Amino acid sequence: MQLQQLAYFIEVAHTRHFTRAAHNLGVTQPTLSKQIRVLEKSVGALLFSRHASGISLTTAGEALLPHAQRMLINADSALRSV
């Protein structure tokens, strides 16, 4: 699990859209999708339900989201402290 993957996960969770999230992050949609798949493999669970009307967080995704947000905040705080 990498901080960049968590940042990608958070953006997709907020936008509920892979293409929009990729644009906001300045990466290609295939790059974003690949990193989300790697993160899902790392945690051993699907984080998003993908369906015709869009995407939504799975139970695992909902559980990970607040932790991911705190991890990024803590990492930023640690960098600023140094």
Protein backbone atom coordinates (compact mmCIF):
# COMPACT_ATOMS: atom_id res chain seq x y z
CA MET A 1 0.00 0.00 0.00
CA GLN A 2 1.53 3.28 -1.13
CA LEU A 3 0.54 6.83 -0.21
CA GLN A 4 0.05 7.68 -3.89
CA GLN A 5 -2.37 4.77 -4.27
CA LEU A 6 -4.28 6.01 -1.23
CA ALA A 7 -4.45 9.50 -2.73
CA TYR A 8 -5.81 8.00 -5.95
CA PHE A 9 -8.34 5.96 -3.97
CA ILE A 10 -9.53 9.04 -2.07
CA GLU A 11 -9.99 11.06 -5.27
CA VAL A 12 -11.99 8.28 -6.94
CA ALA A 13 -14.07 7.93 -3.78
CA HIS A 14 -14.82 11.67 -3.79
CA THR A 15 -15.57 12.01 -7.50
CA ARG A 16 -17.23 8.59 -7.91
CA HIS A 17 -15.73 8.62 -11.40
CA PHE A 18 -12.42 7.18 -12.65
CA THR A 19 -11.98 9.48 -15.64
CA ARG A 20 -12.78 12.64 -13.67
CA ALA A 21 -10.50 11.54 -10.83
CA ALA A 22 -7.67 10.83 -13.28
CA HIS A 23 -8.08 14.29 -14.80
CA ASN A 24 -8.05 15.93 -11.35
CA LEU A 25 -4.91 14.00 -10.43
CA GLY A 26 -3.12 14.68 -13.71
CA VAL A 27 -2.75 11.03 -14.66
CA THR A 28 -4.26 8.86 -17.36
CA GLN A 29 -7.34 6.82 -16.58
CA PRO A 30 -5.56 3.51 -17.30
CA THR A 31 -2.78 4.48 -14.87
CA LEU A 32 -5.33 5.33 -12.19
CA SER A 33 -7.30 2.13 -12.75
CA LYS A 34 -4.14 0.02 -12.57
CA GLN A 35 -3.07 1.61 -9.28
CA ILE A 36 -6.53 1.05 -7.80
CA ARG A 37 -6.36 -2.62 -8.85
CA VAL A 38 -2.92 -2.92 -7.23
CA LEU A 39 -4.28 -1.35 -4.04
CA GLU A 40 -7.29 -3.68 -4.08
CA LYS A 41 -4.95 -6.65 -4.44
CA SER A 42 -2.81 -5.31 -1.59
CA VAL A 43 -5.75 -5.01 0.81
CA GLY A 44 -7.36 -8.21 -0.44
CA ALA A 45 -10.74 -6.68 -1.24
CA LEU A 46 -12.58 -4.74 -3.91
CA LEU A 47 -12.86 -1.10 -2.90
CA PHE A 48 -15.37 -0.02 -5.55
CA SER A 49 -18.47 -1.55 -7.07
CA ARG A 50 -18.43 -0.83 -10.76
CA HIS A 51 -21.82 -0.71 -12.48
CA ALA A 52 -23.47 0.86 -15.52
CA SER A 53 -24.60 3.94 -13.62
CA GLY A 54 -21.17 4.61 -12.14
CA ILE A 55 -19.20 3.43 -9.15
CA SER A 56 -19.74 3.26 -5.43
CA LEU A 57 -17.64 2.28 -2.45
CA THR A 58 -17.87 -1.28 -1.23
CA THR A 59 -18.03 -2.01 2.48
CA ALA A 60 -14.24 -2.46 2.39
CA GLY A 61 -13.85 0.86 0.57
CA GLU A 62 -16.00 2.64 3.14
CA ALA A 63 -13.88 1.12 5.91
CA LEU A 64 -10.60 2.15 4.25
CA LEU A 65 -11.56 5.73 3.35
CA PRO A 66 -11.22 7.41 6.78
CA HIS A 67 -7.97 5.55 7.45
CA ALA A 68 -6.56 6.56 4.06
CA GLN A 69 -7.47 10.18 4.69
CA ARG A 70 -5.77 10.14 8.11
CA MET A 71 -2.68 8.43 6.68
CA LEU A 72 -2.25 11.16 4.07
CA ILE A 73 -2.79 13.89 6.65
CA ASN A 74 -0.25 12.25 8.98
CA ALA A 75 2.29 11.85 6.16
CA ASP A 76 1.91 15.52 5.23
CA SER A 77 2.26 16.55 8.87
CA ALA A 78 5.39 14.44 9.24
CA LEU A 79 6.98 16.07 6.19
CA ARG A 80 6.16 19.54 7.47
CA SER A 81 7.67 18.68 10.87
CA VAL A 82 10.95 17.64 9.30
